[in-house]
Amino acid sequence: MNIKTFIDQLAVELEIDKPESLSPDTSFREMDDWSSMHALILIAFVDAEYNVTLTGDDLRRATTVQDLYDIVSAKIAV
């Protein structure tokens, strides 16, 4: 897994109209349509794609797409 692939997949899962607007520095909670439904989609996506369980604490700790990627990468490595 690399950050580019993660971002591309995330854009598809969250149905981002302009996927090029996502970058490692994007604050995902500040995206226009961000809602608790998106958080659930994100949790399901990471579980299905990477076999990693994201917790509420993981999502609260993360502020950027890079933070999410780092959390998922660390859990894969375990």
PDB file of N, CA and C in Angstrom:
ATOM      1  N   MET A   1       0.851  -1.180   0.000  1.00  0.00           N
ATOM      2  CA  MET A   1       0.000   0.000   0.000  1.00  0.00           C
ATOM      3  C   MET A   1       0.891   1.235   0.000  1.00  0.00           C
ATOM      4  N   ASN A   2       0.478   2.230  -0.759  1.00  0.00           N
ATOM      5  CA  ASN A   2       1.147   3.520  -0.720  1.00  0.00           C
ATOM      6  C   ASN A   2       0.093   4.616  -0.596  1.00  0.00           C
ATOM      7  N   ILE A   3       0.526   5.806  -0.261  1.00  0.00           N
ATOM      8  CA  ILE A   3      -0.413   6.902   0.022  1.00  0.00           C
ATOM      9  C   ILE A   3      -1.246   7.256  -1.207  1.00  0.00           C
ATOM     10  N   LYS A   4      -0.660   7.190  -2.387  1.00  0.00           N
ATOM     11  CA  LYS A   4      -1.401   7.523  -3.625  1.00  0.00           C
ATOM     12  C   LYS A   4      -2.553   6.547  -3.830  1.00  0.00           C
ATOM     13  N   THR A   5      -2.275   5.268  -3.698  1.00  0.00           N
ATOM     14  CA  THR A   5      -3.316   4.249  -3.851  1.00  0.00           C
ATOM     15  C   THR A   5      -4.399   4.428  -2.795  1.00  0.00           C
ATOM     16  N   PHE A   6      -3.977   4.675  -1.562  1.00  0.00           N
ATOM     17  CA  PHE A   6      -4.923   4.883  -0.466  1.00  0.00           C
ATOM     18  C   PHE A   6      -5.846   6.064  -0.774  1.00  0.00           C
ATOM     19  N   ILE A   7      -5.287   7.158  -1.241  1.00  0.00           N
ATOM     20  CA  ILE A   7      -6.078   8.355  -1.563  1.00  0.00           C
ATOM     21  C   ILE A   7      -7.041   8.067  -2.709  1.00  0.00           C
ATOM     22  N   ASP A   8      -6.560   7.391  -3.746  1.00  0.00           N
ATOM     23  CA  ASP A   8      -7.422   7.071  -4.888  1.00  0.00           C
ATOM     24  C   ASP A   8      -8.606   6.203  -4.449  1.00  0.00           C
ATOM     25  N   GLN A   9      -8.330   5.192  -3.635  1.00  0.00           N
ATOM     26  CA  GLN A   9      -9.398   4.312  -3.147  1.00  0.00           C
ATOM     27  C   GLN A   9     -10.352   5.070  -2.229  1.00  0.00           C
ATOM     28  N   LEU A  10      -9.810   5.917  -1.378  1.00  0.00           N
ATOM     29  CA  LEU A  10     -10.629   6.709  -0.463  1.00  0.00           C
ATOM     30  C   LEU A  10     -11.567   7.634  -1.241  1.00  0.00           C
ATOM     31  N   ALA A  11     -11.060   8.245  -2.294  1.00  0.00           N
ATOM     32  CA  ALA A  11     -11.878   9.137  -3.121  1.00  0.00           C
ATOM     33  C   ALA A  11     -13.055   8.391  -3.736  1.00  0.00           C
ATOM     34  N   VAL A  12     -12.819   7.174  -4.192  1.00  0.00           N
ATOM     35  CA  VAL A  12     -13.882   6.357  -4.772  1.00  0.00           C
ATOM     36  C   VAL A  12     -14.911   5.993  -3.699  1.00  0.00           C
ATOM     37  N   GLU A  13     -14.435   5.526  -2.560  1.00  0.00           N
ATOM     38  CA  GLU A  13     -15.338   5.097  -1.487  1.00  0.00           C
ATOM     39  C   GLU A  13     -16.195   6.238  -0.957  1.00  0.00           C
ATOM     40  N   LEU A  14     -15.608   7.415  -0.855  1.00  0.00           N
ATOM     41  CA  LEU A  14     -16.342   8.568  -0.315  1.00  0.00           C
ATOM     42  C   LEU A  14     -17.063   9.359  -1.403  1.00  0.00           C
ATOM     43  N   GLU A  15     -16.971   8.856  -2.653  1.00  0.00           N
ATOM     44  CA  GLU A  15     -17.617   9.489  -3.799  1.00  0.00           C
ATOM     45  C   GLU A  15     -17.243  10.967  -3.919  1.00  0.00           C
ATOM     46  N   ILE A  16     -15.941  11.227  -3.865  1.00  0.00           N
ATOM     47  CA  ILE A  16     -15.409  12.585  -3.993  1.00  0.00           C
ATOM     48  C   ILE A  16     -15.509  13.001  -5.455  1.00  0.00           C
ATOM     49  N   ASP A  17     -16.162  14.118  -5.734  1.00  0.00           N
ATOM     50  CA  ASP A  17     -16.334  14.579  -7.114  1.00  0.00           C
ATOM     51  C   ASP A  17     -15.006  14.939  -7.779  1.00  0.00           C
ATOM     52  N   LYS A  18     -14.108  15.522  -7.011  1.00  0.00           N
ATOM     53  CA  LYS A  18     -12.802  15.925  -7.540  1.00  0.00           C
ATOM     54  C   LYS A  18     -11.712  15.218  -6.745  1.00  0.00           C
ATOM     55  N   PRO A  19     -11.398  13.969  -7.112  1.00  0.00           N
ATOM     56  CA  PRO A  19     -10.412  13.204  -6.334  1.00  0.00           C
ATOM     57  C   PRO A  19      -9.054  13.876  -6.259  1.00  0.00           C
ATOM     58  N   GLU A  20      -8.735  14.695  -7.252  1.00  0.00           N
ATOM     59  CA  GLU A  20      -7.461  15.409  -7.221  1.00  0.00           C
ATOM     60  C   GLU A  20      -7.406  16.439  -6.091  1.00  0.00           C
ATOM     61  N   SER A  21      -8.556  16.739  -5.497  1.00  0.00           N
ATOM     62  CA  SER A  21      -8.579  17.682  -4.380  1.00  0.00           C
ATOM     63  C   SER A  21      -8.096  17.027  -3.080  1.00  0.00           C
ATOM     64  N   LEU A  22      -8.016  15.694  -3.063  1.00  0.00           N
ATOM     65  CA  LEU A  22      -7.502  14.995  -1.886  1.00  0.00           C
ATOM     66  C   LEU A  22      -5.990  14.901  -1.953  1.00  0.00           C
ATOM     67  N   SER A  23      -5.365  15.185  -0.840  1.00  0.00           N
ATOM     68  CA  SER A  23      -3.913  15.060  -0.720  1.00  0.00           C
ATOM     69  C   SER A  23      -3.617  14.536   0.679  1.00  0.00           C
ATOM     70  N   PRO A  24      -2.370  14.156   0.941  1.00  0.00           N
ATOM     71  CA  PRO A  24      -2.036  13.701   2.294  1.00  0.00           C
ATOM     72  C   PRO A  24      -2.367  14.740   3.364  1.00  0.00           C
ATOM     73  N   ASP A  25      -2.306  16.016   3.008  1.00  0.00           N
ATOM     74  CA  ASP A  25      -2.545  17.087   3.982  1.00  0.00           C
ATOM     75  C   ASP A  25      -4.017  17.468   4.139  1.00  0.00           C
ATOM     76  N   THR A  26      -4.891  16.856   3.361  1.00  0.00           N
ATOM     77  CA  THR A  26      -6.316  17.187   3.431  1.00  0.00           C
ATOM     78  C   THR A  26      -6.875  16.814   4.805  1.00  0.00           C
ATOM     79  N   SER A  27      -7.533  17.767   5.422  1.00  0.00           N
ATOM     80  CA  SER A  27      -8.227  17.520   6.681  1.00  0.00           C
ATOM     81  C   SER A  27      -9.587  16.928   6.320  1.00  0.00           C
ATOM     82  N   PHE A  28      -9.702  15.621   6.444  1.00  0.00           N
ATOM     83  CA  PHE A  28     -10.894  14.936   5.936  1.00  0.00           C
ATOM     84  C   PHE A  28     -12.178  15.377   6.623  1.00  0.00           C
ATOM     85  N   ARG A  29     -12.121  15.761   7.882  1.00  0.00           N
ATOM     86  CA  ARG A  29     -13.331  16.192   8.594  1.00  0.00           C
ATOM     87  C   ARG A  29     -13.830  17.551   8.118  1.00  0.00           C
ATOM     88  N   GLU A  30     -12.975  18.297   7.446  1.00  0.00           N
ATOM     89  CA  GLU A  30     -13.369  19.618   6.955  1.00  0.00           C
ATOM     90  C   GLU A  30     -13.854  19.586   5.510  1.00  0.00           C
ATOM     91  N   MET A  31     -13.937  18.385   4.939  1.00  0.00           N
ATOM     92  CA  MET A  31     -14.476  18.273   3.591  1.00  0.00           C
ATOM     93  C   MET A  31     -15.938  18.682   3.622  1.00  0.00           C
ATOM     94  N   ASP A  32     -16.415  19.256   2.534  1.00  0.00           N
ATOM     95  CA  ASP A  32     -17.768  19.823   2.481  1.00  0.00           C
ATOM     96  C   ASP A  32     -18.855  18.881   2.956  1.00  0.00           C
ATOM     97  N   ASP A  33     -18.825  17.647   2.509  1.00  0.00           N
ATOM     98  CA  ASP A  33     -19.914  16.727   2.813  1.00  0.00           C
ATOM     99  C   ASP A  33     -19.627  15.766   3.955  1.00  0.00           C
ATOM    100  N   TRP A  34     -18.564  15.994   4.727  1.00  0.00           N
ATOM    101  CA  TRP A  34     -18.189  15.035   5.764  1.00  0.00           C
ATOM    102  C   TRP A  34     -19.308  14.885   6.790  1.00  0.00           C
ATOM    103  N   SER A  35     -19.622  13.636   7.117  1.00  0.00           N
ATOM    104  CA  SER A  35     -20.653  13.359   8.114  1.00  0.00           C
ATOM    105  C   SER A  35     -20.302  12.054   8.829  1.00  0.00           C
ATOM    106  N   SER A  36     -21.098  11.715   9.808  1.00  0.00           N
ATOM    107  CA  SER A  36     -20.869  10.458  10.517  1.00  0.00           C
ATOM    108  C   SER A  36     -21.040   9.265   9.570  1.00  0.00           C
ATOM    109  N   MET A  37     -21.854   9.412   8.543  1.00  0.00           N
ATOM    110  CA  MET A  37     -22.010   8.348   7.544  1.00  0.00           C
ATOM    111  C   MET A  37     -20.689   8.102   6.820  1.00  0.00           C
ATOM    112  N   HIS A  38     -19.962   9.170   6.528  1.00  0.00           N
ATOM    113  CA  HIS A  38     -18.658   9.028   5.878  1.00  0.00           C
ATOM    114  C   HIS A  38     -17.674   8.309   6.801  1.00  0.00           C
ATOM    115  N   ALA A  39     -17.766   8.569   8.079  1.00  0.00           N
ATOM    116  CA  ALA A  39     -16.902   7.872   9.034  1.00  0.00           C
ATOM    117  C   ALA A  39     -17.176   6.373   8.990  1.00  0.00           C
ATOM    118  N   LEU A  40     -18.436   5.996   8.916  1.00  0.00           N
ATOM    119  CA  LEU A  40     -18.786   4.578   8.832  1.00  0.00           C
ATOM    120  C   LEU A  40     -18.309   3.963   7.518  1.00  0.00           C
ATOM    121  N   ILE A  41     -18.443   4.714   6.432  1.00  0.00           N
ATOM    122  CA  ILE A  41     -17.952   4.246   5.134  1.00  0.00           C
ATOM    123  C   ILE A  41     -16.444   4.046   5.197  1.00  0.00           C
ATOM    124  N   LEU A  42     -15.751   4.982   5.811  1.00  0.00           N
ATOM    125  CA  LEU A  42     -14.298   4.897   5.954  1.00  0.00           C
ATOM    126  C   LEU A  42     -13.905   3.654   6.756  1.00  0.00           C
ATOM    127  N   ILE A  43     -14.574   3.415   7.859  1.00  0.00           N
ATOM    128  CA  ILE A  43     -14.293   2.245   8.696  1.00  0.00           C
ATOM    129  C   ILE A  43     -14.522   0.960   7.897  1.00  0.00           C
ATOM    130  N   ALA A  44     -15.639   0.896   7.165  1.00  0.00           N
ATOM    131  CA  ALA A  44     -15.950  -0.300   6.373  1.00  0.00           C
ATOM    132  C   ALA A  44     -14.943  -0.492   5.237  1.00  0.00           C
ATOM    133  N   PHE A  45     -14.559   0.590   4.583  1.00  0.00           N
ATOM    134  CA  PHE A  45     -13.585   0.528   3.495  1.00  0.00           C
ATOM    135  C   PHE A  45     -12.251  -0.026   3.989  1.00  0.00           C
ATOM    136  N   VAL A  46     -11.751   0.501   5.084  1.00  0.00           N
ATOM    137  CA  VAL A  46     -10.455   0.062   5.613  1.00  0.00           C
ATOM    138  C   VAL A  46     -10.529  -1.404   6.043  1.00  0.00           C
ATOM    139  N   ASP A  47     -11.648  -1.795   6.624  1.00  0.00           N
ATOM    140  CA  ASP A  47     -11.812  -3.189   7.032  1.00  0.00           C
ATOM    141  C   ASP A  47     -11.836  -4.118   5.817  1.00  0.00           C
ATOM    142  N   ALA A  48     -12.605  -3.760   4.805  1.00  0.00           N
ATOM    143  CA  ALA A  48     -12.747  -4.619   3.625  1.00  0.00           C
ATOM    144  C   ALA A  48     -11.472  -4.656   2.787  1.00  0.00           C
ATOM    145  N   GLU A  49     -10.850  -3.520   2.615  1.00  0.00           N
ATOM    146  CA  GLU A  49      -9.687  -3.424   1.717  1.00  0.00           C
ATOM    147  C   GLU A  49      -8.385  -3.871   2.370  1.00  0.00           C
ATOM    148  N   TYR A  50      -8.221  -3.548   3.653  1.00  0.00           N
ATOM    149  CA  TYR A  50      -6.936  -3.788   4.318  1.00  0.00           C
ATOM    150  C   TYR A  50      -7.028  -4.746   5.507  1.00  0.00           C
ATOM    151  N   ASN A  51      -8.242  -5.215   5.802  1.00  0.00           N
ATOM    152  CA  ASN A  51      -8.444  -6.106   6.936  1.00  0.00           C
ATOM    153  C   ASN A  51      -7.937  -5.480   8.240  1.00  0.00           C
ATOM    154  N   VAL A  52      -8.229  -4.190   8.390  1.00  0.00           N
ATOM    155  CA  VAL A  52      -7.817  -3.415   9.559  1.00  0.00           C
ATOM    156  C   VAL A  52      -9.065  -2.806  10.183  1.00  0.00           C
ATOM    157  N   THR A  53      -9.155  -2.900  11.492  1.00  0.00           N
ATOM    158  CA  THR A  53     -10.278  -2.306  12.215  1.00  0.00           C
ATOM    159  C   THR A  53      -9.876  -0.933  12.744  1.00  0.00           C
ATOM    160  N   LEU A  54     -10.570   0.080  12.261  1.00  0.00           N
ATOM    161  CA  LEU A  54     -10.376   1.432  12.793  1.00  0.00           C
ATOM    162  C   LEU A  54     -11.342   1.632  13.949  1.00  0.00           C
ATOM    163  N   THR A  55     -10.858   2.218  15.009  1.00  0.00           N
ATOM    164  CA  THR A  55     -11.704   2.495  16.171  1.00  0.00           C
ATOM    165  C   THR A  55     -12.098   3.968  16.172  1.00  0.00           C
ATOM    166  N   GLY A  56     -13.030   4.283  17.037  1.00  0.00           N
ATOM    167  CA  GLY A  56     -13.404   5.682  17.218  1.00  0.00           C
ATOM    168  C   GLY A  56     -12.212   6.514  17.654  1.00  0.00           C
ATOM    169  N   ASP A  57     -11.375   5.946  18.520  1.00  0.00           N
ATOM    170  CA  ASP A  57     -10.165   6.652  18.959  1.00  0.00           C
ATOM    171  C   ASP A  57      -9.225   6.914  17.786  1.00  0.00           C
ATOM    172  N   ASP A  58      -9.101   5.941  16.883  1.00  0.00           N
ATOM    173  CA  ASP A  58      -8.258   6.138  15.700  1.00  0.00           C
ATOM    174  C   ASP A  58      -8.760   7.329  14.890  1.00  0.00           C
ATOM    175  N   LEU A  59     -10.066   7.400  14.683  1.00  0.00           N
ATOM    176  CA  LEU A  59     -10.620   8.505  13.895  1.00  0.00           C
ATOM    177  C   LEU A  59     -10.488   9.841  14.614  1.00  0.00           C
ATOM    178  N   ARG A  60     -10.613   9.832  15.930  1.00  0.00           N
ATOM    179  CA  ARG A  60     -10.455  11.083  16.679  1.00  0.00           C
ATOM    180  C   ARG A  60      -9.009  11.578  16.642  1.00  0.00           C
ATOM    181  N   ARG A  61      -8.043  10.640  16.637  1.00  0.00           N
ATOM    182  CA  ARG A  61      -6.625  11.006  16.585  1.00  0.00           C
ATOM    183  C   ARG A  61      -6.227  11.557  15.231  1.00  0.00           C
ATOM    184  N   ALA A  62      -6.879  11.094  14.194  1.00  0.00           N
ATOM    185  CA  ALA A  62      -6.513  11.489  12.836  1.00  0.00           C
ATOM    186  C   ALA A  62      -7.174  12.804  12.452  1.00  0.00           C
ATOM    187  N   THR A  63      -6.392  13.668  11.839  1.00  0.00           N
ATOM    188  CA  THR A  63      -6.968  14.911  11.325  1.00  0.00           C
ATOM    189  C   THR A  63      -6.788  15.029   9.817  1.00  0.00           C
ATOM    190  N   THR A  64      -5.791  14.361   9.292  1.00  0.00           N
ATOM    191  CA  THR A  64      -5.525  14.439   7.848  1.00  0.00           C
ATOM    192  C   THR A  64      -5.596  13.048   7.222  1.00  0.00           C
ATOM    193  N   VAL A  65      -5.626  13.030   5.914  1.00  0.00           N
ATOM    194  CA  VAL A  65      -5.589  11.763   5.183  1.00  0.00           C
ATOM    195  C   VAL A  65      -4.282  11.035   5.499  1.00  0.00           C
ATOM    196  N   GLN A  66      -3.195  11.768   5.623  1.00  0.00           N
ATOM    197  CA  GLN A  66      -1.908  11.157   5.972  1.00  0.00           C
ATOM    198  C   GLN A  66      -1.993  10.473   7.334  1.00  0.00           C
ATOM    199  N   ASP A  67      -2.658  11.101   8.295  1.00  0.00           N
ATOM    200  CA  ASP A  67      -2.838  10.487   9.609  1.00  0.00           C
ATOM    201  C   ASP A  67      -3.583   9.152   9.488  1.00  0.00           C
ATOM    202  N   LEU A  68      -4.645   9.140   8.690  1.00  0.00           N
ATOM    203  CA  LEU A  68      -5.396   7.902   8.474  1.00  0.00           C
ATOM    204  C   LEU A  68      -4.508   6.834   7.855  1.00  0.00           C
ATOM    205  N   TYR A  69      -3.774   7.225   6.839  1.00  0.00           N
ATOM    206  CA  TYR A  69      -2.867   6.296   6.165  1.00  0.00           C
ATOM    207  C   TYR A  69      -1.850   5.731   7.153  1.00  0.00           C
ATOM    208  N   ASP A  70      -1.292   6.588   7.983  1.00  0.00           N
ATOM    209  CA  ASP A  70      -0.292   6.148   8.959  1.00  0.00           C
ATOM    210  C   ASP A  70      -0.885   5.155   9.955  1.00  0.00           C
ATOM    211  N   ILE A  71      -2.100   5.409  10.403  1.00  0.00           N
ATOM    212  CA  ILE A  71      -2.757   4.510  11.352  1.00  0.00           C
ATOM    213  C   ILE A  71      -3.006   3.151  10.705  1.00  0.00           C
ATOM    214  N   VAL A  72      -3.516   3.161   9.487  1.00  0.00           N
ATOM    215  CA  VAL A  72      -3.800   1.912   8.782  1.00  0.00           C
ATOM    216  C   VAL A  72      -2.485   1.161   8.528  1.00  0.00           C
ATOM    217  N   SER A  73      -1.465   1.872   8.071  1.00  0.00           N
ATOM    218  CA  SER A  73      -0.165   1.247   7.803  1.00  0.00           C
ATOM    219  C   SER A  73       0.418   0.604   9.060  1.00  0.00           C
ATOM    220  N   ALA A  74       0.307   1.298  10.179  1.00  0.00           N
ATOM    221  CA  ALA A  74       0.837   0.759  11.432  1.00  0.00           C
ATOM    222  C   ALA A  74       0.082  -0.487  11.845  1.00  0.00           C
ATOM    223  N   LYS A  75      -1.217  -0.517  11.645  1.00  0.00           N
ATOM    224  CA  LYS A  75      -2.008  -1.687  12.028  1.00  0.00           C
ATOM    225  C   LYS A  75      -1.748  -2.864  11.089  1.00  0.00           C
ATOM    226  N   ILE A  76      -1.446  -2.596   9.838  1.00  0.00           N
ATOM    227  CA  ILE A  76      -1.093  -3.661   8.902  1.00  0.00           C
ATOM    228  C   ILE A  76       0.221  -4.295   9.319  1.00  0.00           C
ATOM    229  N   ALA A  77       1.134  -3.468   9.783  1.00  0.00           N
ATOM    230  CA  ALA A  77       2.487  -3.930  10.135  1.00  0.00           C
ATOM    231  C   ALA A  77       2.504  -4.814  11.380  1.00  0.00           C
ATOM    232  N   VAL A  78       1.459  -4.754  12.192  1.00  0.00           N
ATOM    233  CA  VAL A  78       1.428  -5.512  13.447  1.00  0.00           C
ATOM    234  C   VAL A  78       1.166  -6.970  13.212  1.00  0.00           C
TER     235      VAL A  78
END
